[in-house]
Amino acid sequence: MTARYRRPLPLPSFGPRRMTCLQGSVRVVISETFASEERPVQVDLPSLERFSALMAAQGWPAHVSRMAYDRIYAGERFGFAKRVGRGGLPVLARQLIQCWRANRSQPEAQSR
């Protein structure tokens, strides 16, 4: 009998985490470096963070920064959530898929 190699299941994402700071301590504020119109997936970050938190609540990973800049990964996560999600996740996934499809193929201006 031969033993089959089983790849371990991915660890679930626990979504965005709150940072705790001591009263009066210095805080780093990170602003968006690109507007959502300039990213490959033109969805605002709060929507992606909410999607990631809903996915994490159901035990599935969804990385916000990767979804914002990797169209293939974003499409796979949105489609997966639409198929197997529960509660408000499929509804949000459908909305994000519409945004994802809306800017999927932008024809380049033809040069003369």
C-alpha atoms as a PDB file:
ATOM      1  CA  MET A   1       0.000   0.000   0.000  1.00  0.00           C
ATOM      2  CA  THR A   2       1.337   3.409  -0.905  1.00  0.00           C
ATOM      3  CA  ALA A   3       0.794   6.402   1.321  1.00  0.00           C
ATOM      4  CA  ARG A   4      -0.726   9.414  -0.386  1.00  0.00           C
ATOM      5  CA  TYR A   5       0.613  12.811   0.369  1.00  0.00           C
ATOM      6  CA  ARG A   6      -2.120  15.109   1.648  1.00  0.00           C
ATOM      7  CA  ARG A   7      -1.579  18.806   1.454  1.00  0.00           C
ATOM      8  CA  PRO A   8      -2.593  20.505   4.724  1.00  0.00           C
ATOM      9  CA  LEU A   9      -5.701  22.658   4.619  1.00  0.00           C
ATOM     10  CA  PRO A  10      -5.054  26.414   4.617  1.00  0.00           C
ATOM     11  CA  LEU A  11      -5.424  28.162   7.938  1.00  0.00           C
ATOM     12  CA  PRO A  12      -8.488  30.397   8.091  1.00  0.00           C
ATOM     13  CA  SER A  13      -8.081  34.129   8.016  1.00  0.00           C
ATOM     14  CA  PHE A  14      -9.297  35.942  11.087  1.00  0.00           C
ATOM     15  CA  GLY A  15      -9.869  39.165   9.156  1.00  0.00           C
ATOM     16  CA  PRO A  16      -8.645  42.605  10.094  1.00  0.00           C
ATOM     17  CA  ARG A  17      -7.499  43.006  13.680  1.00  0.00           C
ATOM     18  CA  ARG A  18      -7.782  46.050  15.876  1.00  0.00           C
ATOM     19  CA  MET A  19      -4.538  47.509  17.106  1.00  0.00           C
ATOM     20  CA  THR A  20      -4.369  48.654  20.685  1.00  0.00           C
ATOM     21  CA  CYS A  21      -2.351  51.730  21.531  1.00  0.00           C
ATOM     22  CA  LEU A  22      -1.570  53.198  24.900  1.00  0.00           C
ATOM     23  CA  GLN A  23      -3.215  56.507  25.675  1.00  0.00           C
ATOM     24  CA  GLY A  24      -1.076  59.335  24.303  1.00  0.00           C
ATOM     25  CA  SER A  25       1.218  57.072  22.277  1.00  0.00           C
ATOM     26  CA  VAL A  26       2.255  57.845  18.732  1.00  0.00           C
ATOM     27  CA  ARG A  27       0.057  56.261  16.079  1.00  0.00           C
ATOM     28  CA  VAL A  28       0.840  55.571  12.473  1.00  0.00           C
ATOM     29  CA  VAL A  29      -1.936  56.519  10.090  1.00  0.00           C
ATOM     30  CA  ILE A  30      -1.803  54.717   6.781  1.00  0.00           C
ATOM     31  CA  SER A  31      -3.774  56.269   3.980  1.00  0.00           C
ATOM     32  CA  GLU A  32      -4.608  54.697   0.656  1.00  0.00           C
ATOM     33  CA  THR A  33      -1.738  55.276  -1.758  1.00  0.00           C
ATOM     34  CA  PHE A  34      -3.920  54.613  -4.806  1.00  0.00           C
ATOM     35  CA  ALA A  35      -7.521  55.615  -5.286  1.00  0.00           C
ATOM     36  CA  SER A  36      -9.846  52.712  -6.011  1.00  0.00           C
ATOM     37  CA  GLU A  37     -10.121  53.882  -9.641  1.00  0.00           C
ATOM     38  CA  GLU A  38      -6.365  53.306 -10.104  1.00  0.00           C
ATOM     39  CA  ARG A  39      -6.288  49.755  -8.703  1.00  0.00           C
ATOM     40  CA  PRO A  40      -6.884  46.628 -10.827  1.00  0.00           C
ATOM     41  CA  VAL A  41      -9.976  45.785  -8.733  1.00  0.00           C
ATOM     42  CA  GLN A  42     -11.870  49.053  -8.405  1.00  0.00           C
ATOM     43  CA  VAL A  43     -13.583  48.456  -5.072  1.00  0.00           C
ATOM     44  CA  ASP A  44     -13.161  50.634  -1.989  1.00  0.00           C
ATOM     45  CA  LEU A  45     -11.113  49.162   0.855  1.00  0.00           C
ATOM     46  CA  PRO A  46     -13.894  49.218   3.496  1.00  0.00           C
ATOM     47  CA  SER A  47     -15.969  46.902   1.276  1.00  0.00           C
ATOM     48  CA  LEU A  48     -13.018  44.536   0.851  1.00  0.00           C
ATOM     49  CA  GLU A  49     -12.354  44.625   4.609  1.00  0.00           C
ATOM     50  CA  ARG A  50     -16.007  43.796   5.331  1.00  0.00           C
ATOM     51  CA  PHE A  51     -15.857  40.946   2.807  1.00  0.00           C
ATOM     52  CA  SER A  52     -12.666  39.643   4.445  1.00  0.00           C
ATOM     53  CA  ALA A  53     -14.260  39.798   7.905  1.00  0.00           C
ATOM     54  CA  LEU A  54     -17.364  37.918   6.717  1.00  0.00           C
ATOM     55  CA  MET A  55     -15.175  35.279   5.056  1.00  0.00           C
ATOM     56  CA  ALA A  56     -13.106  34.926   8.233  1.00  0.00           C
ATOM     57  CA  ALA A  57     -16.255  34.508  10.308  1.00  0.00           C
ATOM     58  CA  GLN A  58     -17.096  31.496   8.157  1.00  0.00           C
ATOM     59  CA  GLY A  59     -13.548  30.097   8.321  1.00  0.00           C
ATOM     60  CA  TRP A  60     -12.235  31.079   4.875  1.00  0.00           C
ATOM     61  CA  PRO A  61      -9.204  33.264   4.104  1.00  0.00           C
ATOM     62  CA  ALA A  62      -9.522  36.444   2.043  1.00  0.00           C
ATOM     63  CA  HIS A  63      -6.604  38.886   2.059  1.00  0.00           C
ATOM     64  CA  VAL A  64      -7.646  42.493   1.488  1.00  0.00           C
ATOM     65  CA  SER A  65      -4.433  43.768  -0.099  1.00  0.00           C
ATOM     66  CA  ARG A  66      -4.213  40.799  -2.430  1.00  0.00           C
ATOM     67  CA  MET A  67      -7.839  41.196  -3.528  1.00  0.00           C
ATOM     68  CA  ALA A  68      -7.245  44.886  -4.263  1.00  0.00           C
ATOM     69  CA  TYR A  69      -4.305  44.228  -6.601  1.00  0.00           C
ATOM     70  CA  ASP A  70      -4.733  40.645  -7.877  1.00  0.00           C
ATOM     71  CA  ARG A  71      -7.739  40.330 -10.204  1.00  0.00           C
ATOM     72  CA  ILE A  72      -7.519  36.551 -10.487  1.00  0.00           C
ATOM     73  CA  TYR A  73      -7.435  36.028  -6.708  1.00  0.00           C
ATOM     74  CA  ALA A  74     -10.254  38.532  -6.170  1.00  0.00           C
ATOM     75  CA  GLY A  75     -12.470  36.854  -8.753  1.00  0.00           C
ATOM     76  CA  GLU A  76     -11.823  33.433  -7.213  1.00  0.00           C
ATOM     77  CA  ARG A  77     -12.635  34.624  -3.679  1.00  0.00           C
ATOM     78  CA  PHE A  78     -15.785  36.495  -4.777  1.00  0.00           C
ATOM     79  CA  GLY A  79     -17.056  33.501  -6.757  1.00  0.00           C
ATOM     80  CA  PHE A  80     -16.315  31.102  -3.917  1.00  0.00           C
ATOM     81  CA  ALA A  81     -18.164  33.316  -1.420  1.00  0.00           C
ATOM     82  CA  LYS A  82     -21.154  33.598  -3.746  1.00  0.00           C
ATOM     83  CA  ARG A  83     -21.388  29.800  -4.060  1.00  0.00           C
ATOM     84  CA  VAL A  84     -20.736  28.605  -0.491  1.00  0.00           C
ATOM     85  CA  GLY A  85     -21.244  31.660   1.738  1.00  0.00           C
ATOM     86  CA  ARG A  86     -24.003  32.057   4.276  1.00  0.00           C
ATOM     87  CA  GLY A  87     -25.890  35.076   5.555  1.00  0.00           C
ATOM     88  CA  GLY A  88     -24.929  38.411   4.005  1.00  0.00           C
ATOM     89  CA  LEU A  89     -21.739  37.111   2.402  1.00  0.00           C
ATOM     90  CA  PRO A  90     -23.271  35.932  -0.926  1.00  0.00           C
ATOM     91  CA  VAL A  91     -25.085  39.277  -1.318  1.00  0.00           C
ATOM     92  CA  LEU A  92     -21.872  41.250  -0.793  1.00  0.00           C
ATOM     93  CA  ALA A  93     -19.989  38.846  -3.075  1.00  0.00           C
ATOM     94  CA  ARG A  94     -22.515  39.466  -5.888  1.00  0.00           C
ATOM     95  CA  GLN A  95     -22.042  43.231  -5.516  1.00  0.00           C
ATOM     96  CA  LEU A  96     -18.261  42.871  -5.591  1.00  0.00           C
ATOM     97  CA  ILE A  97     -18.452  40.592  -8.638  1.00  0.00           C
ATOM     98  CA  GLN A  98     -20.410  43.288 -10.465  1.00  0.00           C
ATOM     99  CA  CYS A  99     -17.659  45.822  -9.689  1.00  0.00           C
ATOM    100  CA  TRP A 100     -15.019  43.260 -10.670  1.00  0.00           C
ATOM    101  CA  ARG A 101     -16.717  42.586 -14.025  1.00  0.00           C
ATOM    102  CA  ALA A 102     -17.400  46.262 -14.761  1.00  0.00           C
ATOM    103  CA  ASN A 103     -13.710  47.083 -15.125  1.00  0.00           C
ATOM    104  CA  ARG A 104     -12.450  43.652 -16.193  1.00  0.00           C
ATOM    105  CA  SER A 105     -11.506  44.579 -19.724  1.00  0.00           C
ATOM    106  CA  GLN A 106     -10.778  48.171 -20.510  1.00  0.00           C
ATOM    107  CA  PRO A 107      -9.841  48.566 -24.195  1.00  0.00           C
ATOM    108  CA  GLU A 108      -6.666  50.523 -24.654  1.00  0.00           C
ATOM    109  CA  ALA A 109      -6.784  53.659 -26.760  1.00  0.00           C
ATOM    110  CA  GLN A 110      -5.451  52.946 -30.226  1.00  0.00           C
ATOM    111  CA  SER A 111      -2.454  54.998 -31.215  1.00  0.00           C
ATOM    112  CA  ARG A 112      -2.309  56.402 -34.727  1.00  0.00           C
END
